[in-house]
Amino acid sequence: MKEQSTKTVAKKKFFKMVFSRAGIFVILILIQMLVFLGIPYYLKRICNIYIQCDVSDGDYSSCVYY
């Protein structure tokens, strides 16, 4: 029987773990978390409109757009 190097065995186990059903779910959840955590960062950089509202009286007509 042909012996495989530890590097080859480790690579096969890594790909087997990543492309298993649980591995794909973990990767998708991580991508989703990165997207949801990255949205506020990019909105702060891209959005040039700032809205300041005093809604203590329940009136939204006092909003000021900068």
PDB file of N, CA and C in Angstrom:
ATOM      1  N   MET A   1       0.833  -1.185   0.000  1.00  0.00           N
ATOM      2  CA  MET A   1       0.000   0.000   0.000  1.00  0.00           C
ATOM      3  C   MET A   1       0.879   1.252   0.000  1.00  0.00           C
ATOM      4  N   LYS A   2       0.451   2.227  -0.739  1.00  0.00           N
ATOM      5  CA  LYS A   2       1.222   3.458  -0.892  1.00  0.00           C
ATOM      6  C   LYS A   2       0.964   4.380   0.295  1.00  0.00           C
ATOM      7  N   GLU A   3       2.035   4.843   0.903  1.00  0.00           N
ATOM      8  CA  GLU A   3       1.889   5.767   2.032  1.00  0.00           C
ATOM      9  C   GLU A   3       1.771   7.191   1.520  1.00  0.00           C
ATOM     10  N   GLN A   4       0.895   7.951   2.151  1.00  0.00           N
ATOM     11  CA  GLN A   4       0.712   9.346   1.761  1.00  0.00           C
ATOM     12  C   GLN A   4       1.387  10.230   2.791  1.00  0.00           C
ATOM     13  N   SER A   5       1.878  11.351   2.332  1.00  0.00           N
ATOM     14  CA  SER A   5       2.511  12.287   3.253  1.00  0.00           C
ATOM     15  C   SER A   5       1.448  12.927   4.145  1.00  0.00           C
ATOM     16  N   THR A   6       1.879  13.410   5.281  1.00  0.00           N
ATOM     17  CA  THR A   6       0.928  14.032   6.217  1.00  0.00           C
ATOM     18  C   THR A   6       0.304  15.285   5.608  1.00  0.00           C
ATOM     19  N   LYS A   7       1.051  15.961   4.734  1.00  0.00           N
ATOM     20  CA  LYS A   7       0.519  17.156   4.083  1.00  0.00           C
ATOM     21  C   LYS A   7      -0.652  16.792   3.165  1.00  0.00           C
ATOM     22  N   THR A   8      -0.528  15.714   2.437  1.00  0.00           N
ATOM     23  CA  THR A   8      -1.596  15.280   1.544  1.00  0.00           C
ATOM     24  C   THR A   8      -2.818  14.849   2.329  1.00  0.00           C
ATOM     25  N   VAL A   9      -2.592  14.111   3.417  1.00  0.00           N
ATOM     26  CA  VAL A   9      -3.706  13.650   4.251  1.00  0.00           C
ATOM     27  C   VAL A   9      -4.412  14.839   4.891  1.00  0.00           C
ATOM     28  N   ALA A  10      -3.637  15.800   5.374  1.00  0.00           N
ATOM     29  CA  ALA A  10      -4.231  16.986   6.002  1.00  0.00           C
ATOM     30  C   ALA A  10      -5.042  17.787   4.990  1.00  0.00           C
ATOM     31  N   LYS A  11      -4.524  17.882   3.764  1.00  0.00           N
ATOM     32  CA  LYS A  11      -5.235  18.622   2.723  1.00  0.00           C
ATOM     33  C   LYS A  11      -6.557  17.939   2.383  1.00  0.00           C
ATOM     34  N   LYS A  12      -6.543  16.614   2.281  1.00  0.00           N
ATOM     35  CA  LYS A  12      -7.769  15.872   1.969  1.00  0.00           C
ATOM     36  C   LYS A  12      -8.795  16.022   3.081  1.00  0.00           C
ATOM     37  N   LYS A  13      -8.352  15.944   4.334  1.00  0.00           N
ATOM     38  CA  LYS A  13      -9.285  16.082   5.459  1.00  0.00           C
ATOM     39  C   LYS A  13      -9.841  17.498   5.541  1.00  0.00           C
ATOM     40  N   PHE A  14      -9.005  18.479   5.223  1.00  0.00           N
ATOM     41  CA  PHE A  14      -9.466  19.869   5.258  1.00  0.00           C
ATOM     42  C   PHE A  14     -10.566  20.084   4.224  1.00  0.00           C
ATOM     43  N   PHE A  15     -10.334  19.630   2.993  1.00  0.00           N
ATOM     44  CA  PHE A  15     -11.339  19.808   1.946  1.00  0.00           C
ATOM     45  C   PHE A  15     -12.585  18.990   2.229  1.00  0.00           C
ATOM     46  N   LYS A  16     -12.417  17.821   2.830  1.00  0.00           N
ATOM     47  CA  LYS A  16     -13.580  17.010   3.185  1.00  0.00           C
ATOM     48  C   LYS A  16     -14.422  17.721   4.245  1.00  0.00           C
ATOM     49  N   MET A  17     -13.751  18.379   5.203  1.00  0.00           N
ATOM     50  CA  MET A  17     -14.466  19.092   6.259  1.00  0.00           C
ATOM     51  C   MET A  17     -15.153  20.343   5.699  1.00  0.00           C
ATOM     52  N   VAL A  18     -14.453  21.100   4.845  1.00  0.00           N
ATOM     53  CA  VAL A  18     -14.997  22.361   4.324  1.00  0.00           C
ATOM     54  C   VAL A  18     -16.180  22.103   3.409  1.00  0.00           C
ATOM     55  N   PHE A  19     -16.097  21.080   2.585  1.00  0.00           N
ATOM     56  CA  PHE A  19     -17.149  20.834   1.607  1.00  0.00           C
ATOM     57  C   PHE A  19     -18.195  19.840   2.088  1.00  0.00           C
ATOM     58  N   SER A  20     -18.181  19.519   3.368  1.00  0.00           N
ATOM     59  CA  SER A  20     -19.260  18.711   3.919  1.00  0.00           C
ATOM     60  C   SER A  20     -20.474  19.609   4.134  1.00  0.00           C
ATOM     61  N   ARG A  21     -21.590  19.019   4.486  1.00  0.00           N
ATOM     62  CA  ARG A  21     -22.822  19.794   4.671  1.00  0.00           C
ATOM     63  C   ARG A  21     -22.664  20.808   5.804  1.00  0.00           C
ATOM     64  N   ALA A  22     -22.105  20.374   6.917  1.00  0.00           N
ATOM     65  CA  ALA A  22     -21.928  21.287   8.053  1.00  0.00           C
ATOM     66  C   ALA A  22     -20.920  22.384   7.719  1.00  0.00           C
ATOM     67  N   GLY A  23     -19.865  22.039   6.983  1.00  0.00           N
ATOM     68  CA  GLY A  23     -18.865  23.030   6.614  1.00  0.00           C
ATOM     69  C   GLY A  23     -19.434  24.112   5.725  1.00  0.00           C
ATOM     70  N   ILE A  24     -20.281  23.707   4.785  1.00  0.00           N
ATOM     71  CA  ILE A  24     -20.905  24.695   3.895  1.00  0.00           C
ATOM     72  C   ILE A  24     -21.833  25.608   4.676  1.00  0.00           C
ATOM     73  N   PHE A  25     -22.587  25.059   5.641  1.00  0.00           N
ATOM     74  CA  PHE A  25     -23.458  25.894   6.472  1.00  0.00           C
ATOM     75  C   PHE A  25     -22.644  26.905   7.280  1.00  0.00           C
ATOM     76  N   VAL A  26     -21.531  26.468   7.833  1.00  0.00           N
ATOM     77  CA  VAL A  26     -20.691  27.374   8.619  1.00  0.00           C
ATOM     78  C   VAL A  26     -20.139  28.486   7.730  1.00  0.00           C
ATOM     79  N   ILE A  27     -19.689  28.129   6.538  1.00  0.00           N
ATOM     80  CA  ILE A  27     -19.156  29.139   5.611  1.00  0.00           C
ATOM     81  C   ILE A  27     -20.238  30.134   5.221  1.00  0.00           C
ATOM     82  N   LEU A  28     -21.447  29.649   4.936  1.00  0.00           N
ATOM     83  CA  LEU A  28     -22.539  30.561   4.568  1.00  0.00           C
ATOM     84  C   LEU A  28     -22.915  31.484   5.718  1.00  0.00           C
ATOM     85  N   ILE A  29     -22.923  30.968   6.937  1.00  0.00           N
ATOM     86  CA  ILE A  29     -23.238  31.811   8.100  1.00  0.00           C
ATOM     87  C   ILE A  29     -22.154  32.861   8.286  1.00  0.00           C
ATOM     88  N   LEU A  30     -20.894  32.503   8.097  1.00  0.00           N
ATOM     89  CA  LEU A  30     -19.811  33.484   8.222  1.00  0.00           C
ATOM     90  C   LEU A  30     -19.920  34.570   7.154  1.00  0.00           C
ATOM     91  N   ILE A  31     -20.251  34.181   5.931  1.00  0.00           N
ATOM     92  CA  ILE A  31     -20.433  35.176   4.869  1.00  0.00           C
ATOM     93  C   ILE A  31     -21.584  36.111   5.207  1.00  0.00           C
ATOM     94  N   GLN A  32     -22.675  35.539   5.726  1.00  0.00           N
ATOM     95  CA  GLN A  32     -23.828  36.355   6.099  1.00  0.00           C
ATOM     96  C   GLN A  32     -23.469  37.336   7.204  1.00  0.00           C
ATOM     97  N   MET A  33     -22.709  36.884   8.201  1.00  0.00           N
ATOM     98  CA  MET A  33     -22.294  37.779   9.282  1.00  0.00           C
ATOM     99  C   MET A  33     -21.399  38.892   8.758  1.00  0.00           C
ATOM    100  N   LEU A  34     -20.485  38.560   7.853  1.00  0.00           N
ATOM    101  CA  LEU A  34     -19.620  39.594   7.285  1.00  0.00           C
ATOM    102  C   LEU A  34     -20.420  40.632   6.510  1.00  0.00           C
ATOM    103  N   VAL A  35     -21.430  40.186   5.785  1.00  0.00           N
ATOM    104  CA  VAL A  35     -22.259  41.128   5.032  1.00  0.00           C
ATOM    105  C   VAL A  35     -23.024  42.036   5.987  1.00  0.00           C
ATOM    106  N   PHE A  36     -23.662  41.457   6.999  1.00  0.00           N
ATOM    107  CA  PHE A  36     -24.463  42.269   7.916  1.00  0.00           C
ATOM    108  C   PHE A  36     -23.606  43.192   8.765  1.00  0.00           C
ATOM    109  N   LEU A  37     -22.396  42.780   9.097  1.00  0.00           N
ATOM    110  CA  LEU A  37     -21.525  43.655   9.875  1.00  0.00           C
ATOM    111  C   LEU A  37     -20.838  44.694   8.984  1.00  0.00           C
ATOM    112  N   GLY A  38     -20.716  44.409   7.697  1.00  0.00           N
ATOM    113  CA  GLY A  38     -20.061  45.332   6.789  1.00  0.00           C
ATOM    114  C   GLY A  38     -20.970  46.403   6.240  1.00  0.00           C
ATOM    115  N   ILE A  39     -22.271  46.171   6.255  1.00  0.00           N
ATOM    116  CA  ILE A  39     -23.217  47.143   5.700  1.00  0.00           C
ATOM    117  C   ILE A  39     -23.115  48.505   6.404  1.00  0.00           C
ATOM    118  N   PRO A  40     -23.138  48.570   7.733  1.00  0.00           N
ATOM    119  CA  PRO A  40     -23.022  49.903   8.364  1.00  0.00           C
ATOM    120  C   PRO A  40     -21.707  50.604   8.044  1.00  0.00           C
ATOM    121  N   TYR A  41     -20.632  49.841   7.933  1.00  0.00           N
ATOM    122  CA  TYR A  41     -19.332  50.442   7.603  1.00  0.00           C
ATOM    123  C   TYR A  41     -19.375  51.110   6.234  1.00  0.00           C
ATOM    124  N   TYR A  42     -19.878  50.405   5.240  1.00  0.00           N
ATOM    125  CA  TYR A  42     -19.933  50.974   3.899  1.00  0.00           C
ATOM    126  C   TYR A  42     -20.974  52.081   3.797  1.00  0.00           C
ATOM    127  N   LEU A  43     -22.065  51.980   4.532  1.00  0.00           N
ATOM    128  CA  LEU A  43     -23.051  53.058   4.498  1.00  0.00           C
ATOM    129  C   LEU A  43     -22.488  54.339   5.089  1.00  0.00           C
ATOM    130  N   LYS A  44     -21.660  54.224   6.116  1.00  0.00           N
ATOM    131  CA  LYS A  44     -21.046  55.420   6.687  1.00  0.00           C
ATOM    132  C   LYS A  44     -20.094  56.072   5.693  1.00  0.00           C
ATOM    133  N   ARG A  45     -19.419  55.262   4.893  1.00  0.00           N
ATOM    134  CA  ARG A  45     -18.473  55.804   3.926  1.00  0.00           C
ATOM    135  C   ARG A  45     -19.173  56.369   2.695  1.00  0.00           C
ATOM    136  N   ILE A  46     -20.270  55.758   2.290  1.00  0.00           N
ATOM    137  CA  ILE A  46     -20.913  56.128   1.037  1.00  0.00           C
ATOM    138  C   ILE A  46     -21.983  57.196   1.229  1.00  0.00           C
ATOM    139  N   CYS A  47     -22.756  57.080   2.281  1.00  0.00           N
ATOM    140  CA  CYS A  47     -23.915  57.950   2.470  1.00  0.00           C
ATOM    141  C   CYS A  47     -23.463  59.353   2.875  1.00  0.00           C
ATOM    142  N   ASN A  48     -23.901  60.345   2.129  1.00  0.00           N
ATOM    143  CA  ASN A  48     -23.554  61.728   2.427  1.00  0.00           C
ATOM    144  C   ASN A  48     -24.713  62.484   3.054  1.00  0.00           C
ATOM    145  N   ILE A  49     -25.840  61.841   3.215  1.00  0.00           N
ATOM    146  CA  ILE A  49     -27.013  62.499   3.775  1.00  0.00           C
ATOM    147  C   ILE A  49     -27.162  62.064   5.230  1.00  0.00           C
ATOM    148  N   TYR A  50     -27.183  63.026   6.100  1.00  0.00           N
ATOM    149  CA  TYR A  50     -27.378  62.756   7.510  1.00  0.00           C
ATOM    150  C   TYR A  50     -28.727  63.337   7.929  1.00  0.00           C
ATOM    151  N   ILE A  51     -29.506  62.564   8.632  1.00  0.00           N
ATOM    152  CA  ILE A  51     -30.836  62.991   9.031  1.00  0.00           C
ATOM    153  C   ILE A  51     -30.859  63.140  10.550  1.00  0.00           C
ATOM    154  N   GLN A  52     -31.311  64.280  11.003  1.00  0.00           N
ATOM    155  CA  GLN A  52     -31.437  64.525  12.429  1.00  0.00           C
ATOM    156  C   GLN A  52     -32.890  64.900  12.711  1.00  0.00           C
ATOM    157  N   CYS A  53     -33.544  64.112  13.534  1.00  0.00           N
ATOM    158  CA  CYS A  53     -34.952  64.347  13.829  1.00  0.00           C
ATOM    159  C   CYS A  53     -35.153  64.484  15.334  1.00  0.00           C
ATOM    160  N   ASP A  54     -36.021  65.405  15.682  1.00  0.00           N
ATOM    161  CA  ASP A  54     -36.468  65.535  17.067  1.00  0.00           C
ATOM    162  C   ASP A  54     -37.897  65.018  17.102  1.00  0.00           C
ATOM    163  N   VAL A  55     -38.057  63.780  17.521  1.00  0.00           N
ATOM    164  CA  VAL A  55     -39.378  63.151  17.490  1.00  0.00           C
ATOM    165  C   VAL A  55     -39.952  63.014  18.900  1.00  0.00           C
ATOM    166  N   SER A  56     -39.447  63.821  19.803  1.00  0.00           N
ATOM    167  CA  SER A  56     -39.961  63.732  21.173  1.00  0.00           C
ATOM    168  C   SER A  56     -41.424  64.141  21.246  1.00  0.00           C
ATOM    169  N   ASP A  57     -41.851  64.999  20.316  1.00  0.00           N
ATOM    170  CA  ASP A  57     -43.255  65.416  20.304  1.00  0.00           C
ATOM    171  C   ASP A  57     -44.087  64.571  19.345  1.00  0.00           C
ATOM    172  N   GLY A  58     -43.458  63.573  18.691  1.00  0.00           N
ATOM    173  CA  GLY A  58     -44.173  62.702  17.780  1.00  0.00           C
ATOM    174  C   GLY A  58     -44.334  63.279  16.389  1.00  0.00           C
ATOM    175  N   ASP A  59     -43.682  64.416  16.126  1.00  0.00           N
ATOM    176  CA  ASP A  59     -43.807  65.076  14.827  1.00  0.00           C
ATOM    177  C   ASP A  59     -42.527  64.851  14.033  1.00  0.00           C
ATOM    178  N   TYR A  60     -42.664  64.172  12.906  1.00  0.00           N
ATOM    179  CA  TYR A  60     -41.499  63.894  12.071  1.00  0.00           C
ATOM    180  C   TYR A  60     -41.223  65.004  11.065  1.00  0.00           C
ATOM    181  N   SER A  61     -41.990  66.069  11.091  1.00  0.00           N
ATOM    182  CA  SER A  61     -41.764  67.141  10.121  1.00  0.00           C
ATOM    183  C   SER A  61     -40.575  68.014  10.504  1.00  0.00           C
ATOM    184  N   SER A  62     -40.034  67.813  11.691  1.00  0.00           N
ATOM    185  CA  SER A  62     -38.899  68.636  12.126  1.00  0.00           C
ATOM    186  C   SER A  62     -37.570  68.018  11.746  1.00  0.00           C
ATOM    187  N   CYS A  63     -37.544  67.062  10.834  1.00  0.00           N
ATOM    188  CA  CYS A  63     -36.305  66.421  10.429  1.00  0.00           C
ATOM    189  C   CYS A  63     -35.469  67.388   9.591  1.00  0.00           C
ATOM    190  N   VAL A  64     -34.193  67.388   9.849  1.00  0.00           N
ATOM    191  CA  VAL A  64     -33.260  68.235   9.120  1.00  0.00           C
ATOM    192  C   VAL A  64     -32.300  67.324   8.366  1.00  0.00           C
ATOM    193  N   TYR A  65     -32.135  67.571   7.062  1.00  0.00           N
ATOM    194  CA  TYR A  65     -31.240  66.779   6.221  1.00  0.00           C
ATOM    195  C   TYR A  65     -29.974  67.549   5.966  1.00  0.00           C
ATOM    196  N   TYR A  66     -28.841  66.941   6.223  1.00  0.00           N
ATOM    197  CA  TYR A  66     -27.554  67.587   6.010  1.00  0.00           C
ATOM    198  C   TYR A  66     -26.882  66.968   4.802  1.00  0.00           C
TER     199      TYR A  66
END
